[in-house]
Amino acid sequence: MSAARRAAPGALGPLTPLALEDAPELAALELLEHALHVAGLALLARHAHLRDPDAPPWIARTGPRSAEAAASAYFERAHHLAVVLRRYRAAVAAEAAEIAAAGHLRGNADF
């Protein structure tokens, strides 16, 4: 299994100016991942029963069933998108690290 497939959220560490210098698209990917997370939190706040589908019946189901179905669909699709974003972010970071290492090696060859 490749490193990109094993990448977990946050496994690449925090963004730094140097990382963004080598791969500026990492900033956009970070924003997308964060937006997915925040949107999921908002949906869970609105549809608390989605946190626990086996919740007792006195847990209020707020909003129309169509909104509930849309929220459920969001979580399924957001999960798949998050996996793709993590894989892409890992691939971009790995490529940037290779480019930086190659540049570092070239820089040392000058001496």
PDB file of N, CA and C in Angstrom:
ATOM      1  N   MET A   1       0.855  -1.176   0.000  1.00  0.00           N
ATOM      2  CA  MET A   1       0.000   0.000   0.000  1.00  0.00           C
ATOM      3  C   MET A   1       0.896   1.232   0.000  1.00  0.00           C
ATOM      4  N   SER A   2       0.562   2.206  -0.829  1.00  0.00           N
ATOM      5  CA  SER A   2       1.394   3.400  -0.939  1.00  0.00           C
ATOM      6  C   SER A   2       1.214   4.305   0.267  1.00  0.00           C
ATOM      7  N   ALA A   3       2.157   5.215   0.431  1.00  0.00           N
ATOM      8  CA  ALA A   3       2.080   6.163   1.545  1.00  0.00           C
ATOM      9  C   ALA A   3       0.839   7.034   1.428  1.00  0.00           C
ATOM     10  N   ALA A   4       0.436   7.363   0.201  1.00  0.00           N
ATOM     11  CA  ALA A   4      -0.749   8.206   0.012  1.00  0.00           C
ATOM     12  C   ALA A   4      -1.999   7.498   0.522  1.00  0.00           C
ATOM     13  N   ARG A   5      -2.082   6.207   0.344  1.00  0.00           N
ATOM     14  CA  ARG A   5      -3.265   5.478   0.810  1.00  0.00           C
ATOM     15  C   ARG A   5      -3.288   5.356   2.325  1.00  0.00           C
ATOM     16  N   ARG A   6      -2.126   5.360   2.947  1.00  0.00           N
ATOM     17  CA  ARG A   6      -2.077   5.223   4.400  1.00  0.00           C
ATOM     18  C   ARG A   6      -2.196   6.564   5.107  1.00  0.00           C
ATOM     19  N   ALA A   7      -2.180   7.628   4.367  1.00  0.00           N
ATOM     20  CA  ALA A   7      -2.167   8.958   4.986  1.00  0.00           C
ATOM     21  C   ALA A   7      -3.426   9.186   5.801  1.00  0.00           C
ATOM     22  N   ALA A   8      -3.229   9.632   7.005  1.00  0.00           N
ATOM     23  CA  ALA A   8      -4.339   9.958   7.887  1.00  0.00           C
ATOM     24  C   ALA A   8      -4.450  11.468   7.996  1.00  0.00           C
ATOM     25  N   PRO A   9      -5.629  11.959   8.433  1.00  0.00           N
ATOM     26  CA  PRO A   9      -5.746  13.408   8.582  1.00  0.00           C
ATOM     27  C   PRO A   9      -4.670  13.931   9.518  1.00  0.00           C
ATOM     28  N   GLY A  10      -4.008  14.968   9.129  1.00  0.00           N
ATOM     29  CA  GLY A  10      -2.990  15.572   9.974  1.00  0.00           C
ATOM     30  C   GLY A  10      -1.653  14.849   9.943  1.00  0.00           C
ATOM     31  N   ALA A  11      -1.563  13.734   9.215  1.00  0.00           N
ATOM     32  CA  ALA A  11      -0.329  12.955   9.210  1.00  0.00           C
ATOM     33  C   ALA A  11       0.831  13.725   8.586  1.00  0.00           C
ATOM     34  N   LEU A  12       0.526  14.716   7.775  1.00  0.00           N
ATOM     35  CA  LEU A  12       1.582  15.466   7.108  1.00  0.00           C
ATOM     36  C   LEU A  12       2.074  16.640   7.938  1.00  0.00           C
ATOM     37  N   GLY A  13       1.476  16.877   9.064  1.00  0.00           N
ATOM     38  CA  GLY A  13       1.905  17.962   9.929  1.00  0.00           C
ATOM     39  C   GLY A  13       1.303  19.289   9.515  1.00  0.00           C
ATOM     40  N   PRO A  14       1.572  20.305  10.307  1.00  0.00           N
ATOM     41  CA  PRO A  14       1.002  21.631  10.021  1.00  0.00           C
ATOM     42  C   PRO A  14       1.652  22.257   8.799  1.00  0.00           C
ATOM     43  N   LEU A  15       0.906  23.139   8.163  1.00  0.00           N
ATOM     44  CA  LEU A  15       1.446  23.872   7.027  1.00  0.00           C
ATOM     45  C   LEU A  15       2.485  24.877   7.505  1.00  0.00           C
ATOM     46  N   THR A  16       3.500  25.036   6.715  1.00  0.00           N
ATOM     47  CA  THR A  16       4.529  26.038   7.003  1.00  0.00           C
ATOM     48  C   THR A  16       4.764  26.849   5.734  1.00  0.00           C
ATOM     49  N   PRO A  17       5.327  28.039   5.870  1.00  0.00           N
ATOM     50  CA  PRO A  17       5.650  28.806   4.662  1.00  0.00           C
ATOM     51  C   PRO A  17       6.569  28.041   3.716  1.00  0.00           C
ATOM     52  N   LEU A  18       7.514  27.281   4.266  1.00  0.00           N
ATOM     53  CA  LEU A  18       8.423  26.522   3.403  1.00  0.00           C
ATOM     54  C   LEU A  18       7.684  25.426   2.647  1.00  0.00           C
ATOM     55  N   ALA A  19       6.739  24.756   3.328  1.00  0.00           N
ATOM     56  CA  ALA A  19       5.955  23.716   2.651  1.00  0.00           C
ATOM     57  C   ALA A  19       5.119  24.335   1.538  1.00  0.00           C
ATOM     58  N   LEU A  20       4.548  25.492   1.804  1.00  0.00           N
ATOM     59  CA  LEU A  20       3.725  26.158   0.800  1.00  0.00           C
ATOM     60  C   LEU A  20       4.567  26.712  -0.344  1.00  0.00           C
ATOM     61  N   GLU A  21       5.812  27.056  -0.055  1.00  0.00           N
ATOM     62  CA  GLU A  21       6.703  27.526  -1.114  1.00  0.00           C
ATOM     63  C   GLU A  21       6.920  26.423  -2.139  1.00  0.00           C
ATOM     64  N   ASP A  22       7.059  25.199  -1.656  1.00  0.00           N
ATOM     65  CA  ASP A  22       7.296  24.058  -2.549  1.00  0.00           C
ATOM     66  C   ASP A  22       6.002  23.517  -3.154  1.00  0.00           C
ATOM     67  N   ALA A  23       4.861  23.719  -2.471  1.00  0.00           N
ATOM     68  CA  ALA A  23       3.581  23.181  -2.950  1.00  0.00           C
ATOM     69  C   ALA A  23       2.439  24.074  -2.461  1.00  0.00           C
ATOM     70  N   PRO A  24       2.203  25.198  -3.097  1.00  0.00           N
ATOM     71  CA  PRO A  24       1.177  26.135  -2.629  1.00  0.00           C
ATOM     72  C   PRO A  24      -0.223  25.548  -2.635  1.00  0.00           C
ATOM     73  N   GLU A  25      -0.469  24.528  -3.460  1.00  0.00           N
ATOM     74  CA  GLU A  25      -1.797  23.921  -3.486  1.00  0.00           C
ATOM     75  C   GLU A  25      -2.161  23.240  -2.175  1.00  0.00           C
ATOM     76  N   LEU A  26      -1.170  22.991  -1.326  1.00  0.00           N
ATOM     77  CA  LEU A  26      -1.461  22.404  -0.013  1.00  0.00           C
ATOM     78  C   LEU A  26      -2.364  23.321   0.808  1.00  0.00           C
ATOM     79  N   ALA A  27      -2.265  24.626   0.624  1.00  0.00           N
ATOM     80  CA  ALA A  27      -3.118  25.565   1.362  1.00  0.00           C
ATOM     81  C   ALA A  27      -4.576  25.375   0.971  1.00  0.00           C
ATOM     82  N   ALA A  28      -4.841  25.243  -0.321  1.00  0.00           N
ATOM     83  CA  ALA A  28      -6.217  25.034  -0.779  1.00  0.00           C
ATOM     84  C   ALA A  28      -6.761  23.700  -0.280  1.00  0.00           C
ATOM     85  N   LEU A  29      -5.930  22.678  -0.294  1.00  0.00           N
ATOM     86  CA  LEU A  29      -6.375  21.369   0.189  1.00  0.00           C
ATOM     87  C   LEU A  29      -6.691  21.424   1.678  1.00  0.00           C
ATOM     88  N   GLU A  30      -5.875  22.138   2.422  1.00  0.00           N
ATOM     89  CA  GLU A  30      -6.112  22.291   3.864  1.00  0.00           C
ATOM     90  C   GLU A  30      -7.453  22.989   4.110  1.00  0.00           C
ATOM     91  N   LEU A  31      -7.725  24.033   3.325  1.00  0.00           N
ATOM     92  CA  LEU A  31      -8.999  24.751   3.459  1.00  0.00           C
ATOM     93  C   LEU A  31     -10.186  23.844   3.142  1.00  0.00           C
ATOM     94  N   LEU A  32     -10.078  23.061   2.087  1.00  0.00           N
ATOM     95  CA  LEU A  32     -11.160  22.149   1.732  1.00  0.00           C
ATOM     96  C   LEU A  32     -11.417  21.121   2.835  1.00  0.00           C
ATOM     97  N   GLU A  33     -10.346  20.556   3.369  1.00  0.00           N
ATOM     98  CA  GLU A  33     -10.508  19.574   4.447  1.00  0.00           C
ATOM     99  C   GLU A  33     -11.164  20.212   5.666  1.00  0.00           C
ATOM    100  N   HIS A  34     -10.749  21.414   5.994  1.00  0.00           N
ATOM    101  CA  HIS A  34     -11.321  22.099   7.151  1.00  0.00           C
ATOM    102  C   HIS A  34     -12.794  22.443   6.899  1.00  0.00           C
ATOM    103  N   ALA A  35     -13.112  22.887   5.694  1.00  0.00           N
ATOM    104  CA  ALA A  35     -14.499  23.217   5.361  1.00  0.00           C
ATOM    105  C   ALA A  35     -15.395  21.983   5.466  1.00  0.00           C
ATOM    106  N   LEU A  36     -14.919  20.835   5.007  1.00  0.00           N
ATOM    107  CA  LEU A  36     -15.698  19.597   5.145  1.00  0.00           C
ATOM    108  C   LEU A  36     -15.953  19.285   6.612  1.00  0.00           C
ATOM    109  N   HIS A  37     -14.938  19.447   7.430  1.00  0.00           N
ATOM    110  CA  HIS A  37     -15.064  19.156   8.855  1.00  0.00           C
ATOM    111  C   HIS A  37     -16.072  20.091   9.523  1.00  0.00           C
ATOM    112  N   VAL A  38     -15.957  21.383   9.253  1.00  0.00           N
ATOM    113  CA  VAL A  38     -16.855  22.371   9.876  1.00  0.00           C
ATOM    114  C   VAL A  38     -18.292  22.163   9.401  1.00  0.00           C
ATOM    115  N   ALA A  39     -18.474  21.885   8.115  1.00  0.00           N
ATOM    116  CA  ALA A  39     -19.828  21.632   7.609  1.00  0.00           C
ATOM    117  C   ALA A  39     -20.429  20.401   8.281  1.00  0.00           C
ATOM    118  N   GLY A  40     -19.621  19.382   8.485  1.00  0.00           N
ATOM    119  CA  GLY A  40     -20.099  18.185   9.180  1.00  0.00           C
ATOM    120  C   GLY A  40     -20.505  18.484  10.616  1.00  0.00           C
ATOM    121  N   LEU A  41     -19.726  19.300  11.302  1.00  0.00           N
ATOM    122  CA  LEU A  41     -20.084  19.683  12.672  1.00  0.00           C
ATOM    123  C   LEU A  41     -21.408  20.431  12.703  1.00  0.00           C
ATOM    124  N   ALA A  42     -21.605  21.326  11.745  1.00  0.00           N
ATOM    125  CA  ALA A  42     -22.855  22.090  11.692  1.00  0.00           C
ATOM    126  C   ALA A  42     -24.045  21.163  11.436  1.00  0.00           C
ATOM    127  N   LEU A  43     -23.863  20.214  10.549  1.00  0.00           N
ATOM    128  CA  LEU A  43     -24.958  19.274  10.282  1.00  0.00           C
ATOM    129  C   LEU A  43     -25.259  18.408  11.500  1.00  0.00           C
ATOM    130  N   LEU A  44     -24.235  18.003  12.205  1.00  0.00           N
ATOM    131  CA  LEU A  44     -24.464  17.210  13.417  1.00  0.00           C
ATOM    132  C   LEU A  44     -25.145  18.037  14.498  1.00  0.00           C
ATOM    133  N   ALA A  45     -24.853  19.311  14.547  1.00  0.00           N
ATOM    134  CA  ALA A  45     -25.521  20.179  15.508  1.00  0.00           C
ATOM    135  C   ALA A  45     -27.004  20.305  15.159  1.00  0.00           C
ATOM    136  N   ARG A  46     -27.301  20.391  13.882  1.00  0.00           N
ATOM    137  CA  ARG A  46     -28.695  20.547  13.432  1.00  0.00           C
ATOM    138  C   ARG A  46     -29.463  19.233  13.505  1.00  0.00           C
ATOM    139  N   HIS A  47     -28.804  18.136  13.185  1.00  0.00           N
ATOM    140  CA  HIS A  47     -29.429  16.811  13.162  1.00  0.00           C
ATOM    141  C   HIS A  47     -28.717  15.918  14.179  1.00  0.00           C
ATOM    142  N   ALA A  48     -28.938  16.211  15.446  1.00  0.00           N
ATOM    143  CA  ALA A  48     -28.224  15.517  16.529  1.00  0.00           C
ATOM    144  C   ALA A  48     -28.418  14.010  16.473  1.00  0.00           C
ATOM    145  N   HIS A  49     -29.558  13.566  16.009  1.00  0.00           N
ATOM    146  CA  HIS A  49     -29.823  12.123  15.960  1.00  0.00           C
ATOM    147  C   HIS A  49     -28.893  11.398  14.976  1.00  0.00           C
ATOM    148  N   LEU A  50     -28.263  12.135  14.043  1.00  0.00           N
ATOM    149  CA  LEU A  50     -27.326  11.503  13.124  1.00  0.00           C
ATOM    150  C   LEU A  50     -26.052  11.054  13.834  1.00  0.00           C
ATOM    151  N   ARG A  51     -25.774  11.635  14.995  1.00  0.00           N
ATOM    152  CA  ARG A  51     -24.607  11.200  15.772  1.00  0.00           C
ATOM    153  C   ARG A  51     -24.810   9.785  16.289  1.00  0.00           C
ATOM    154  N   ASP A  52     -26.082   9.440  16.521  1.00  0.00           N
ATOM    155  CA  ASP A  52     -26.410   8.114  17.036  1.00  0.00           C
ATOM    156  C   ASP A  52     -27.737   7.674  16.438  1.00  0.00           C
ATOM    157  N   PRO A  53     -27.699   6.905  15.335  1.00  0.00           N
ATOM    158  CA  PRO A  53     -28.940   6.490  14.692  1.00  0.00           C
ATOM    159  C   PRO A  53     -29.828   5.630  15.594  1.00  0.00           C
ATOM    160  N   ASP A  54     -29.252   5.023  16.624  1.00  0.00           N
ATOM    161  CA  ASP A  54     -30.027   4.190  17.549  1.00  0.00           C
ATOM    162  C   ASP A  54     -30.460   4.976  18.782  1.00  0.00           C
ATOM    163  N   ALA A  55     -30.434   6.285  18.682  1.00  0.00           N
ATOM    164  CA  ALA A  55     -30.817   7.131  19.819  1.00  0.00           C
ATOM    165  C   ALA A  55     -32.279   6.874  20.188  1.00  0.00           C
ATOM    166  N   PRO A  56     -32.602   7.033  21.462  1.00  0.00           N
ATOM    167  CA  PRO A  56     -33.988   6.820  21.889  1.00  0.00           C
ATOM    168  C   PRO A  56     -34.931   7.799  21.190  1.00  0.00           C
ATOM    169  N   PRO A  57     -36.204   7.430  21.098  1.00  0.00           N
ATOM    170  CA  PRO A  57     -37.149   8.255  20.337  1.00  0.00           C
ATOM    171  C   PRO A  57     -37.365   9.651  20.895  1.00  0.00           C
ATOM    172  N   TRP A  58     -37.029   9.896  22.167  1.00  0.00           N
ATOM    173  CA  TRP A  58     -37.245  11.238  22.701  1.00  0.00           C
ATOM    174  C   TRP A  58     -36.200  12.248  22.213  1.00  0.00           C
ATOM    175  N   ILE A  59     -35.149  11.750  21.549  1.00  0.00           N
ATOM    176  CA  ILE A  59     -34.205  12.665  20.909  1.00  0.00           C
ATOM    177  C   ILE A  59     -34.934  13.261  19.707  1.00  0.00           C
ATOM    178  N   ALA A  60     -35.082  14.558  19.726  1.00  0.00           N
ATOM    179  CA  ALA A  60     -35.873  15.226  18.681  1.00  0.00           C
ATOM    180  C   ALA A  60     -35.196  15.127  17.326  1.00  0.00           C
ATOM    181  N   ARG A  61     -35.987  14.801  16.353  1.00  0.00           N
ATOM    182  CA  ARG A  61     -35.525  14.836  14.970  1.00  0.00           C
ATOM    183  C   ARG A  61     -35.998  16.170  14.416  1.00  0.00           C
ATOM    184  N   THR A  62     -35.046  17.059  14.182  1.00  0.00           N
ATOM    185  CA  THR A  62     -35.401  18.397  13.731  1.00  0.00           C
ATOM    186  C   THR A  62     -35.312  18.473  12.223  1.00  0.00           C
ATOM    187  N   GLY A  63     -36.157  19.263  11.656  1.00  0.00           N
ATOM    188  CA  GLY A  63     -36.127  19.480  10.219  1.00  0.00           C
ATOM    189  C   GLY A  63     -36.889  18.410   9.466  1.00  0.00           C
ATOM    190  N   PRO A  64     -37.178  18.692   8.212  1.00  0.00           N
ATOM    191  CA  PRO A  64     -37.911  17.724   7.401  1.00  0.00           C
ATOM    192  C   PRO A  64     -37.051  16.519   7.059  1.00  0.00           C
ATOM    193  N   ARG A  65     -37.705  15.431   6.730  1.00  0.00           N
ATOM    194  CA  ARG A  65     -36.981  14.200   6.362  1.00  0.00           C
ATOM    195  C   ARG A  65     -36.067  14.419   5.163  1.00  0.00           C
ATOM    196  N   SER A  66     -36.441  15.297   4.247  1.00  0.00           N
ATOM    197  CA  SER A  66     -35.582  15.545   3.084  1.00  0.00           C
ATOM    198  C   SER A  66     -34.253  16.170   3.528  1.00  0.00           C
ATOM    199  N   ALA A  67     -34.304  17.033   4.540  1.00  0.00           N
ATOM    200  CA  ALA A  67     -33.063  17.627   5.064  1.00  0.00           C
ATOM    201  C   ALA A  67     -32.223  16.549   5.741  1.00  0.00           C
ATOM    202  N   GLU A  68     -32.867  15.650   6.439  1.00  0.00           N
ATOM    203  CA  GLU A  68     -32.158  14.547   7.095  1.00  0.00           C
ATOM    204  C   GLU A  68     -31.485  13.655   6.059  1.00  0.00           C
ATOM    205  N   ALA A  69     -32.194  13.354   4.997  1.00  0.00           N
ATOM    206  CA  ALA A  69     -31.626  12.521   3.936  1.00  0.00           C
ATOM    207  C   ALA A  69     -30.445  13.232   3.270  1.00  0.00           C
ATOM    208  N   ALA A  70     -30.588  14.522   3.048  1.00  0.00           N
ATOM    209  CA  ALA A  70     -29.489  15.286   2.442  1.00  0.00           C
ATOM    210  C   ALA A  70     -28.278  15.311   3.367  1.00  0.00           C
ATOM    211  N   ALA A  71     -28.506  15.461   4.668  1.00  0.00           N
ATOM    212  CA  ALA A  71     -27.397  15.465   5.627  1.00  0.00           C
ATOM    213  C   ALA A  71     -26.699  14.112   5.631  1.00  0.00           C
ATOM    214  N   SER A  72     -27.466  13.042   5.599  1.00  0.00           N
ATOM    215  CA  SER A  72     -26.866  11.704   5.560  1.00  0.00           C
ATOM    216  C   SER A  72     -26.042  11.514   4.294  1.00  0.00           C
ATOM    217  N   ALA A  73     -26.593  11.970   3.163  1.00  0.00           N
ATOM    218  CA  ALA A  73     -25.860  11.863   1.898  1.00  0.00           C
ATOM    219  C   ALA A  73     -24.582  12.695   1.950  1.00  0.00           C
ATOM    220  N   TYR A  74     -24.650  13.857   2.596  1.00  0.00           N
ATOM    221  CA  TYR A  74     -23.461  14.699   2.726  1.00  0.00           C
ATOM    222  C   TYR A  74     -22.338  13.926   3.412  1.00  0.00           C
ATOM    223  N   PHE A  75     -22.652  13.263   4.529  1.00  0.00           N
ATOM    224  CA  PHE A  75     -21.604  12.573   5.277  1.00  0.00           C
ATOM    225  C   PHE A  75     -20.971  11.461   4.455  1.00  0.00           C
ATOM    226  N   GLU A  76     -21.780  10.757   3.682  1.00  0.00           N
ATOM    227  CA  GLU A  76     -21.221   9.694   2.845  1.00  0.00           C
ATOM    228  C   GLU A  76     -20.291  10.284   1.784  1.00  0.00           C
ATOM    229  N   ARG A  77     -20.751  11.323   1.120  1.00  0.00           N
ATOM    230  CA  ARG A  77     -19.946  11.924   0.061  1.00  0.00           C
ATOM    231  C   ARG A  77     -18.741  12.672   0.624  1.00  0.00           C
ATOM    232  N   ALA A  78     -18.921  13.331   1.746  1.00  0.00           N
ATOM    233  CA  ALA A  78     -17.814  14.063   2.362  1.00  0.00           C
ATOM    234  C   ALA A  78     -16.705  13.111   2.782  1.00  0.00           C
ATOM    235  N   HIS A  79     -17.087  11.937   3.263  1.00  0.00           N
ATOM    236  CA  HIS A  79     -16.078  10.954   3.655  1.00  0.00           C
ATOM    237  C   HIS A  79     -15.223  10.565   2.446  1.00  0.00           C
ATOM    238  N   HIS A  80     -15.875  10.275   1.328  1.00  0.00           N
ATOM    239  CA  HIS A  80     -15.134   9.885   0.127  1.00  0.00           C
ATOM    240  C   HIS A  80     -14.257  11.032  -0.379  1.00  0.00           C
ATOM    241  N   LEU A  81     -14.784  12.237  -0.342  1.00  0.00           N
ATOM    242  CA  LEU A  81     -13.990  13.392  -0.766  1.00  0.00           C
ATOM    243  C   LEU A  81     -12.803  13.604   0.167  1.00  0.00           C
ATOM    244  N   ALA A  82     -13.004  13.432   1.466  1.00  0.00           N
ATOM    245  CA  ALA A  82     -11.910  13.598   2.426  1.00  0.00           C
ATOM    246  C   ALA A  82     -10.795  12.587   2.157  1.00  0.00           C
ATOM    247  N   VAL A  83     -11.163  11.364   1.815  1.00  0.00           N
ATOM    248  CA  VAL A  83     -10.154  10.342   1.496  1.00  0.00           C
ATOM    249  C   VAL A  83      -9.351  10.772   0.272  1.00  0.00           C
ATOM    250  N   VAL A  84     -10.037  11.247  -0.767  1.00  0.00           N
ATOM    251  CA  VAL A  84      -9.361  11.696  -1.982  1.00  0.00           C
ATOM    252  C   VAL A  84      -8.450  12.889  -1.682  1.00  0.00           C
ATOM    253  N   LEU A  85      -8.939  13.841  -0.883  1.00  0.00           N
ATOM    254  CA  LEU A  85      -8.131  15.009  -0.538  1.00  0.00           C
ATOM    255  C   LEU A  85      -6.886  14.610   0.240  1.00  0.00           C
ATOM    256  N   ARG A  86      -7.018  13.680   1.188  1.00  0.00           N
ATOM    257  CA  ARG A  86      -5.842  13.233   1.952  1.00  0.00           C
ATOM    258  C   ARG A  86      -4.826  12.558   1.044  1.00  0.00           C
ATOM    259  N   ARG A  87      -5.312  11.731   0.119  1.00  0.00           N
ATOM    260  CA  ARG A  87      -4.395  11.056  -0.805  1.00  0.00           C
ATOM    261  C   ARG A  87      -3.679  12.072  -1.695  1.00  0.00           C
ATOM    262  N   TYR A  88      -4.439  13.019  -2.194  1.00  0.00           N
ATOM    263  CA  TYR A  88      -3.849  14.033  -3.064  1.00  0.00           C
ATOM    264  C   TYR A  88      -2.854  14.889  -2.288  1.00  0.00           C
ATOM    265  N   ARG A  89      -3.239  15.281  -1.075  1.00  0.00           N
ATOM    266  CA  ARG A  89      -2.346  16.095  -0.248  1.00  0.00           C
ATOM    267  C   ARG A  89      -1.054  15.341   0.042  1.00  0.00           C
ATOM    268  N   ALA A  90      -1.150  14.051   0.335  1.00  0.00           N
ATOM    269  CA  ALA A  90       0.042  13.244   0.607  1.00  0.00           C
ATOM    270  C   ALA A  90       0.922  13.152  -0.640  1.00  0.00           C
ATOM    271  N   ALA A  91       0.296  12.986  -1.805  1.00  0.00           N
ATOM    272  CA  ALA A  91       1.064  12.898  -3.053  1.00  0.00           C
ATOM    273  C   ALA A  91       1.759  14.212  -3.360  1.00  0.00           C
ATOM    274  N   VAL A  92       1.057  15.332  -3.176  1.00  0.00           N
ATOM    275  CA  VAL A  92       1.647  16.651  -3.429  1.00  0.00           C
ATOM    276  C   VAL A  92       2.802  16.901  -2.461  1.00  0.00           C
ATOM    277  N   ALA A  93       2.594  16.572  -1.194  1.00  0.00           N
ATOM    278  CA  ALA A  93       3.642  16.784  -0.196  1.00  0.00           C
ATOM    279  C   ALA A  93       4.869  15.910  -0.488  1.00  0.00           C
ATOM    280  N   ALA A  94       4.631  14.681  -0.901  1.00  0.00           N
ATOM    281  CA  ALA A  94       5.755  13.791  -1.216  1.00  0.00           C
ATOM    282  C   ALA A  94       6.532  14.315  -2.420  1.00  0.00           C
ATOM    283  N   GLU A  95       5.800  14.771  -3.440  1.00  0.00           N
ATOM    284  CA  GLU A  95       6.470  15.321  -4.618  1.00  0.00           C
ATOM    285  C   GLU A  95       7.256  16.580  -4.264  1.00  0.00           C
ATOM    286  N   ALA A  96       6.682  17.437  -3.435  1.00  0.00           N
ATOM    287  CA  ALA A  96       7.381  18.650  -3.019  1.00  0.00           C
ATOM    288  C   ALA A  96       8.633  18.307  -2.226  1.00  0.00           C
ATOM    289  N   ALA A  97       8.546  17.280  -1.380  1.00  0.00           N
ATOM    290  CA  ALA A  97       9.713  16.863  -0.599  1.00  0.00           C
ATOM    291  C   ALA A  97      10.811  16.333  -1.516  1.00  0.00           C
ATOM    292  N   GLU A  98      10.433  15.595  -2.558  1.00  0.00           N
ATOM    293  CA  GLU A  98      11.421  15.088  -3.511  1.00  0.00           C
ATOM    294  C   GLU A  98      12.092  16.240  -4.256  1.00  0.00           C
ATOM    295  N   ILE A  99      11.292  17.218  -4.656  1.00  0.00           N
ATOM    296  CA  ILE A  99      11.839  18.378  -5.370  1.00  0.00           C
ATOM    297  C   ILE A  99      12.782  19.162  -4.454  1.00  0.00           C
ATOM    298  N   ALA A 100      12.364  19.347  -3.196  1.00  0.00           N
ATOM    299  CA  ALA A 100      13.201  20.074  -2.243  1.00  0.00           C
ATOM    300  C   ALA A 100      14.498  19.314  -1.981  1.00  0.00           C
ATOM    301  N   ALA A 101      14.408  17.992  -1.853  1.00  0.00           N
ATOM    302  CA  ALA A 101      15.608  17.190  -1.611  1.00  0.00           C
ATOM    303  C   ALA A 101      16.539  17.250  -2.815  1.00  0.00           C
ATOM    304  N   ALA A 102      15.978  17.183  -4.005  1.00  0.00           N
ATOM    305  CA  ALA A 102      16.808  17.256  -5.214  1.00  0.00           C
ATOM    306  C   ALA A 102      17.489  18.616  -5.308  1.00  0.00           C
ATOM    307  N   GLY A 103      16.769  19.670  -4.951  1.00  0.00           N
ATOM    308  CA  GLY A 103      17.363  21.003  -4.949  1.00  0.00           C
ATOM    309  C   GLY A 103      18.454  21.131  -3.913  1.00  0.00           C
ATOM    310  N   HIS A 104      18.234  20.504  -2.761  1.00  0.00           N
ATOM    311  CA  HIS A 104      19.235  20.540  -1.698  1.00  0.00           C
ATOM    312  C   HIS A 104      20.498  19.798  -2.143  1.00  0.00           C
ATOM    313  N   LEU A 105      20.297  18.656  -2.798  1.00  0.00           N
ATOM    314  CA  LEU A 105      21.452  17.891  -3.276  1.00  0.00           C
ATOM    315  C   LEU A 105      22.211  18.657  -4.355  1.00  0.00           C
ATOM    316  N   ARG A 106      21.471  19.324  -5.263  1.00  0.00           N
ATOM    317  CA  ARG A 106      22.126  20.121  -6.281  1.00  0.00           C
ATOM    318  C   ARG A 106      22.894  21.268  -5.657  1.00  0.00           C
ATOM    319  N   GLY A 107      22.323  21.859  -4.624  1.00  0.00           N
ATOM    320  CA  GLY A 107      22.972  22.979  -3.939  1.00  0.00           C
ATOM    321  C   GLY A 107      24.278  22.540  -3.299  1.00  0.00           C
ATOM    322  N   ASN A 108      24.324  21.328  -2.750  1.00  0.00           N
ATOM    323  CA  ASN A 108      25.544  20.817  -2.135  1.00  0.00           C
ATOM    324  C   ASN A 108      26.593  20.445  -3.177  1.00  0.00           C
ATOM    325  N   ALA A 109      26.150  20.105  -4.382  1.00  0.00           N
ATOM    326  CA  ALA A 109      27.102  19.699  -5.423  1.00  0.00           C
ATOM    327  C   ALA A 109      27.928  20.887  -5.910  1.00  0.00           C
ATOM    328  N   ASP A 110      27.419  22.089  -5.678  1.00  0.00           N
ATOM    329  CA  ASP A 110      28.140  23.280  -6.123  1.00  0.00           C
ATOM    330  C   ASP A 110      29.401  23.545  -5.297  1.00  0.00           C
ATOM    331  N   PHE A 111      29.484  22.958  -4.126  1.00  0.00           N
ATOM    332  CA  PHE A 111      30.624  23.225  -3.254  1.00  0.00           C
ATOM    333  C   PHE A 111      31.714  22.223  -3.404  1.00  0.00           C
TER     334      PHE A 111
END
